Amino acid sequence: MARIIDGKKVAADVLAECAAEIAELKAQGVTPGLAVVLVGEDPASQVYVNAKVRQCGELGLHSEKIVLSAQATQAEVLEVVRRLNQDESIHGILVQSPPPPQIDEESIVRAIDPGKDVDGFHPENVARLALEDEDGFVPCTPAGCMRLIEAAGIETRGAEAVVVGRSMIVGKPMALLLMARGSDATVTVAHSRTKDLAAVCRRADLLVAAVGIAEMIKADFVKEGAVVIDVGINRVDDPAAKRGYRLCGDVAYEEVARKASAITPVPGGVGPMTIAMLMKNTIKAARKRSMAAVGR
């Protein structure tokens, strides 16, 4: 049976680091600040936003939660971003995804000051990631995956890695992180339309599932002894469950765990890492802005 990679424990370690870094910054007169913008009333988005704001409070970060109606216009959202770009108490800006259909999310991302783009989605930060420039911000979920891999002592140098999923949020940045100097994995990016996906996945020493399809990765997709990182979180109907549904990943956990050497559970794996790495990015943004102010 696979060893479980405990995301809750690793996230707690990251948050302890964050607390120490925040104390250091506060001693210098700097309180890191994060603004989270929510457009509309999507229940899942509300849960995520509240979790981020709550974590800020627990760590002692300054936070601002801005909720706009589901009918908000593009101009209204851009005006909020413009104000936050100019607000010296805010070091990180996050506009919760997905917004309502009338909002052009790409334009909103491009409007955020790259130095406050703690999601790591602005083209400037994407370019810095591709160039292995550590001055930029790495998207939180793939950064969290890398921290889990490191904490679990998984060797990536020379390993064959397969990333299933090609989104800008997880798949593409994950591939860049794995092939970067220091990680040195040989990376294949696959997706739901990949020909003979199971055969491609079976090549992997390290398999990262970020395809967004519940339990798509079955045991016959996994090589004996592979490490499996499950990024997915899906809600599936389950009449036997108290709430009428259960959460699962992109991996069929029970059957895959019998073949893998190590695996992340859902929930309790990658999920806790995403918020922890968001806090890390916010602290990094505050430190960078503080150093820039000293240099002026």
Protein backbone atom coordinates (compact mmCIF):
# COMPACT_ATOMS: atom_id res chain seq x y z
CA MET A 1 0.00 0.00 0.00
CA ALA A 2 1.31 3.45 -0.89
CA ARG A 3 2.81 5.81 1.63
CA ILE A 4 0.45 8.77 2.15
CA ILE A 5 1.93 12.21 1.50
CA ASP A 6 0.25 14.31 4.20
CA GLY A 7 -0.55 17.75 2.79
CA LYS A 8 -2.00 18.97 6.08
CA LYS A 9 1.29 18.37 7.91
CA VAL A 10 3.45 19.92 5.19
CA ALA A 11 1.10 22.92 4.94
CA ALA A 12 1.36 23.38 8.72
CA ASP A 13 5.15 23.45 8.38
CA VAL A 14 4.90 26.08 5.62
CA LEU A 15 2.52 28.19 7.70
CA ALA A 16 4.91 28.01 10.66
CA GLU A 17 7.62 29.39 8.36
CA CYS A 18 5.19 32.10 7.27
CA ALA A 19 4.48 33.09 10.88
CA ALA A 20 8.20 33.54 11.55
CA GLU A 21 8.66 35.58 8.36
CA ILE A 22 5.66 37.79 9.19
CA ALA A 23 7.04 38.47 12.68
CA GLU A 24 10.35 39.49 11.13
CA LEU A 25 8.64 41.84 8.66
CA LYS A 26 6.42 43.36 11.37
CA ALA A 27 9.55 44.07 13.44
CA GLN A 28 10.67 46.15 10.45
CA GLY A 29 7.35 47.99 10.36
CA VAL A 30 5.86 46.01 7.45
CA THR A 31 2.58 44.06 7.69
CA PRO A 32 1.97 41.93 4.58
CA GLY A 33 -1.46 42.60 3.08
CA LEU A 34 -3.64 40.47 0.80
CA ALA A 35 -6.78 41.62 -1.02
CA VAL A 36 -9.21 38.98 -2.27
CA VAL A 37 -11.86 40.05 -4.77
CA LEU A 38 -14.99 37.94 -5.24
CA VAL A 39 -17.41 38.71 -8.07
CA GLY A 40 -20.77 37.03 -7.57
CA GLU A 41 -22.04 34.51 -5.05
CA ASP A 42 -20.72 31.15 -6.25
CA PRO A 43 -20.85 28.94 -3.12
CA ALA A 44 -17.55 27.17 -3.80
CA SER A 45 -15.79 30.49 -4.45
CA GLN A 46 -17.20 31.89 -1.21
CA VAL A 47 -15.75 28.93 0.70
CA TYR A 48 -12.33 29.41 -0.90
CA VAL A 49 -12.30 33.17 -0.32
CA ASN A 50 -13.35 32.83 3.31
CA ALA A 51 -10.65 30.20 3.89
CA LYS A 52 -8.00 32.57 2.51
CA VAL A 53 -9.20 35.49 4.62
CA ARG A 54 -9.39 33.28 7.71
CA GLN A 55 -5.81 32.08 7.18
CA CYS A 56 -4.64 35.69 6.88
CA GLY A 57 -6.27 36.43 10.23
CA GLU A 58 -4.65 33.43 11.91
CA LEU A 59 -1.20 34.46 10.68
CA GLY A 60 -1.65 38.15 11.41
CA LEU A 61 -1.63 39.33 7.81
CA HIS A 62 -3.68 42.35 6.86
CA SER A 63 -6.51 41.26 4.56
CA GLU A 64 -9.23 42.95 2.59
CA LYS A 65 -12.21 41.04 1.20
CA ILE A 66 -14.08 42.81 -1.58
CA VAL A 67 -17.35 41.32 -2.78
CA LEU A 68 -18.97 42.62 -5.98
CA SER A 69 -22.39 41.61 -7.25
CA ALA A 70 -22.82 38.93 -9.89
CA GLN A 71 -23.94 41.73 -12.22
CA ALA A 72 -20.73 43.74 -11.79
CA THR A 73 -19.27 45.10 -15.02
CA GLN A 74 -15.78 44.67 -16.39
CA ALA A 75 -15.14 48.36 -15.71
CA GLU A 76 -16.16 47.98 -12.06
CA VAL A 77 -13.80 45.06 -11.49
CA LEU A 78 -10.95 46.87 -13.25
CA GLU A 79 -11.55 49.93 -11.06
CA VAL A 80 -11.20 47.77 -7.93
CA VAL A 81 -7.95 46.30 -9.28
CA ARG A 82 -6.66 49.80 -10.11
CA ARG A 83 -7.37 50.97 -6.55
CA LEU A 84 -5.65 47.94 -5.03
CA ASN A 85 -2.63 48.37 -7.30
CA GLN A 86 -2.17 51.82 -5.75
CA ASP A 87 -2.89 50.79 -2.15
CA GLU A 88 0.44 50.63 -0.27
CA SER A 89 -1.09 48.42 2.46
CA ILE A 90 -1.89 45.70 -0.09
CA HIS A 91 1.00 43.57 -1.34
CA GLY A 92 -0.99 40.77 -2.98
CA ILE A 93 -4.13 40.86 -5.13
CA LEU A 94 -6.23 37.82 -5.97
CA VAL A 95 -9.42 37.89 -8.06
CA GLN A 96 -11.23 34.64 -7.33
CA SER A 97 -11.75 32.39 -10.34
CA PRO A 98 -14.05 31.77 -12.12
CA PRO A 99 -15.82 35.14 -12.44
CA PRO A 100 -19.31 35.52 -13.99
CA PRO A 101 -19.45 35.16 -17.80
CA GLN A 102 -19.57 38.91 -18.52
CA ILE A 103 -16.09 39.33 -16.99
CA ASP A 104 -13.02 38.85 -19.19
CA GLU A 105 -10.77 37.08 -16.70
CA GLU A 106 -7.63 37.37 -18.82
CA SER A 107 -7.96 41.17 -18.97
CA ILE A 108 -8.42 41.32 -15.21
CA VAL A 109 -5.26 39.25 -14.64
CA ARG A 110 -3.28 41.49 -17.00
CA ALA A 111 -4.49 44.57 -15.12
CA ILE A 112 -3.01 43.40 -11.80
CA ASP A 113 0.39 44.86 -10.93
CA PRO A 114 2.79 41.93 -11.61
CA GLY A 115 4.48 42.70 -8.30
CA LYS A 116 1.16 42.06 -6.53
CA ASP A 117 0.11 39.06 -8.66
CA VAL A 118 0.41 36.46 -5.92
CA ASP A 119 -1.56 33.95 -8.03
CA GLY A 120 1.33 33.98 -10.53
CA PHE A 121 -0.94 34.24 -13.58
CA HIS A 122 0.18 37.58 -15.05
CA PRO A 123 2.14 37.14 -18.33
CA GLU A 124 5.22 38.70 -16.70
CA ASN A 125 5.23 36.10 -13.94
CA VAL A 126 4.55 33.28 -16.39
CA ALA A 127 7.58 34.44 -18.38
CA ARG A 128 9.72 34.61 -15.23
CA LEU A 129 8.74 31.04 -14.40
CA ALA A 130 9.67 29.84 -17.90
CA LEU A 131 12.99 31.70 -17.63
CA GLU A 132 13.63 30.26 -14.14
CA ASP A 133 13.77 33.79 -12.74
CA GLU A 134 13.08 33.44 -9.02
CA ASP A 135 12.05 37.09 -8.76
CA GLY A 136 8.55 36.20 -10.05
CA PHE A 137 5.61 34.45 -8.42
CA VAL A 138 4.87 30.77 -9.04
CA PRO A 139 1.19 29.70 -9.16
CA CYS A 140 0.25 28.43 -5.72
CA THR A 141 -1.01 24.91 -6.51
CA PRO A 142 2.00 23.72 -8.55
CA ALA A 143 4.32 25.40 -6.05
CA GLY A 144 2.53 23.43 -3.34
CA CYS A 145 2.94 20.20 -5.30
CA MET A 146 6.68 20.79 -5.55
CA ARG A 147 6.89 21.42 -1.82
CA LEU A 148 5.05 18.14 -1.15
CA ILE A 149 7.40 16.26 -3.48
CA GLU A 150 10.40 17.79 -1.71
CA ALA A 151 9.03 17.11 1.78
CA ALA A 152 8.32 13.48 0.88
CA GLY A 153 11.91 13.01 -0.28
CA ILE A 154 10.89 12.13 -3.85
CA GLU A 155 13.84 12.20 -6.27
CA THR A 156 12.99 14.07 -9.46
CA ARG A 157 16.44 14.24 -11.08
CA GLY A 158 16.36 12.00 -14.12
CA ALA A 159 12.84 10.81 -13.31
CA GLU A 160 10.21 10.50 -16.01
CA ALA A 161 7.28 12.72 -15.02
CA VAL A 162 3.87 12.84 -16.66
CA VAL A 163 1.55 15.78 -15.98
CA VAL A 164 -2.06 15.09 -16.98
CA GLY A 165 -3.62 18.50 -17.59
CA ARG A 166 -2.49 21.54 -19.55
CA SER A 167 -4.12 24.50 -17.79
CA MET A 168 -2.24 27.71 -17.03
CA ILE A 169 -3.30 27.27 -13.40
CA VAL A 170 -1.66 23.88 -12.80
CA GLY A 171 -0.56 21.76 -15.76
CA LYS A 172 1.77 24.08 -17.67
CA PRO A 173 3.47 25.67 -14.64
CA MET A 174 3.82 22.23 -13.05
CA ALA A 175 5.65 20.98 -16.13
CA LEU A 176 7.96 24.01 -16.09
CA LEU A 177 8.80 23.47 -12.42
CA LEU A 178 9.57 19.79 -12.94
CA MET A 179 11.86 20.37 -15.92
CA ALA A 180 13.66 23.34 -14.33
CA ARG A 181 17.30 23.16 -13.28
CA GLY A 182 17.42 21.50 -9.89
CA SER A 183 14.32 19.39 -10.54
CA ASP A 184 15.73 17.94 -13.77
CA ALA A 185 12.82 15.63 -14.58
CA THR A 186 11.99 14.51 -18.11
CA VAL A 187 8.46 15.81 -18.54
CA THR A 188 5.53 14.78 -20.72
CA VAL A 189 2.37 16.89 -20.66
CA ALA A 190 -0.75 14.86 -21.48
CA HIS A 191 -4.46 15.63 -21.31
CA SER A 192 -7.90 14.08 -21.72
CA ARG A 193 -7.50 13.90 -25.50
CA THR A 194 -4.07 12.27 -25.47
CA LYS A 195 -3.96 9.12 -27.59
CA ASP A 196 -3.69 6.02 -25.37
CA LEU A 197 -3.43 8.15 -22.23
CA ALA A 198 -3.08 5.10 -19.98
CA ALA A 199 0.05 3.97 -21.82
CA VAL A 200 1.57 7.46 -21.56
CA CYS A 201 0.84 7.60 -17.83
CA ARG A 202 2.35 4.16 -17.24
CA ARG A 203 5.75 5.54 -18.26
CA ALA A 204 5.76 7.88 -15.29
CA ASP A 205 7.95 7.55 -12.23
CA LEU A 206 6.05 10.63 -11.04
CA LEU A 207 2.45 11.13 -12.16
CA VAL A 208 0.67 14.45 -11.53
CA ALA A 209 -3.08 14.31 -12.17
CA ALA A 210 -4.63 17.73 -12.84
CA VAL A 211 -7.22 16.96 -15.49
CA GLY A 212 -10.37 17.88 -13.55
CA ILE A 213 -12.24 14.63 -14.17
CA ALA A 214 -13.29 12.61 -11.13
CA GLU A 215 -11.32 9.37 -10.68
CA MET A 216 -10.18 9.32 -14.30
CA ILE A 217 -6.75 7.91 -13.42
CA LYS A 218 -7.26 4.21 -12.74
CA ALA A 219 -4.82 1.54 -11.57
CA ASP A 220 -3.99 0.54 -15.14
CA PHE A 221 -2.69 4.11 -15.75
CA VAL A 222 -0.03 3.70 -13.05
CA LYS A 223 3.31 1.96 -13.10
CA GLU A 224 4.11 -0.22 -10.10
CA GLY A 225 5.94 1.91 -7.53
CA ALA A 226 5.16 5.29 -9.12
CA VAL A 227 4.57 8.43 -7.06
CA VAL A 228 1.12 9.95 -7.66
CA ILE A 229 0.21 13.58 -6.94
CA ASP A 230 -3.55 14.14 -7.21
CA VAL A 231 -4.40 17.81 -7.78
CA GLY A 232 -8.06 17.25 -8.56
CA ILE A 233 -10.94 17.97 -6.23
CA ASN A 234 -14.34 16.93 -7.53
CA ARG A 235 -17.77 16.72 -5.97
CA VAL A 236 -19.62 13.54 -6.92
CA ASP A 237 -23.13 12.49 -5.91
CA ASP A 238 -23.21 9.86 -3.20
CA PRO A 239 -26.60 9.03 -1.61
CA ALA A 240 -24.81 7.16 1.18
CA ALA A 241 -22.91 10.26 2.25
CA LYS A 242 -24.36 12.55 4.91
CA ARG A 243 -24.30 15.59 2.59
CA GLY A 244 -25.42 13.61 -0.44
CA TYR A 245 -22.04 13.92 -2.12
CA ARG A 246 -18.40 13.11 -1.53
CA LEU A 247 -15.16 14.76 -2.56
CA CYS A 248 -12.67 12.85 -4.65
CA GLY A 249 -9.65 13.55 -6.78
CA ASP A 250 -8.76 12.85 -10.38
CA VAL A 251 -7.29 9.54 -9.21
CA ALA A 252 -9.24 6.42 -8.23
CA TYR A 253 -7.53 6.44 -4.87
CA GLU A 254 -8.18 2.98 -3.44
CA GLU A 255 -7.07 1.02 -6.47
CA VAL A 256 -4.13 3.30 -7.37
CA ALA A 257 -2.82 3.34 -3.78
CA ARG A 258 -2.28 -0.41 -4.06
CA LYS A 259 0.22 0.11 -6.91
CA ALA A 260 1.85 3.46 -6.11
CA SER A 261 4.80 3.88 -3.74
CA ALA A 262 3.46 7.22 -2.48
CA ILE A 263 0.25 9.16 -3.08
CA THR A 264 -1.56 12.33 -2.00
CA PRO A 265 -5.09 11.87 -0.62
CA VAL A 266 -8.14 13.98 -1.49
CA PRO A 267 -8.97 15.85 0.64
CA GLY A 268 -5.87 16.49 2.75
CA GLY A 269 -3.21 16.38 0.07
CA VAL A 270 -2.57 19.19 -2.39
CA GLY A 271 -5.54 21.31 -1.23
CA PRO A 272 -4.06 22.64 2.05
CA MET A 273 -0.85 23.51 0.22
CA THR A 274 -2.51 25.99 -2.14
CA ILE A 275 -3.49 28.45 0.60
CA ALA A 276 -0.16 27.94 2.39
CA MET A 277 1.77 28.86 -0.76
CA LEU A 278 -0.54 31.86 -1.30
CA MET A 279 0.57 33.12 2.11
CA LYS A 280 4.20 32.51 1.08
CA ASN A 281 3.72 34.53 -2.11
CA THR A 282 2.07 37.39 -0.21
CA ILE A 283 4.99 37.55 2.21
CA LYS A 284 7.44 37.47 -0.70
CA ALA A 285 5.57 40.36 -2.34
CA ALA A 286 5.68 42.39 0.88
CA ARG A 287 9.40 41.76 1.29
CA LYS A 288 10.13 42.73 -2.31
CA ARG A 289 8.14 45.96 -2.02
CA SER A 290 9.80 46.78 1.29
CA MET A 291 13.27 46.26 -0.15
CA ALA A 292 12.38 48.37 -3.20
CA ALA A 293 11.20 51.19 -0.90
CA VAL A 294 14.48 51.09 1.06
CA GLY A 295 16.40 51.23 -2.21
CA ARG A 296 14.58 54.32 -3.45
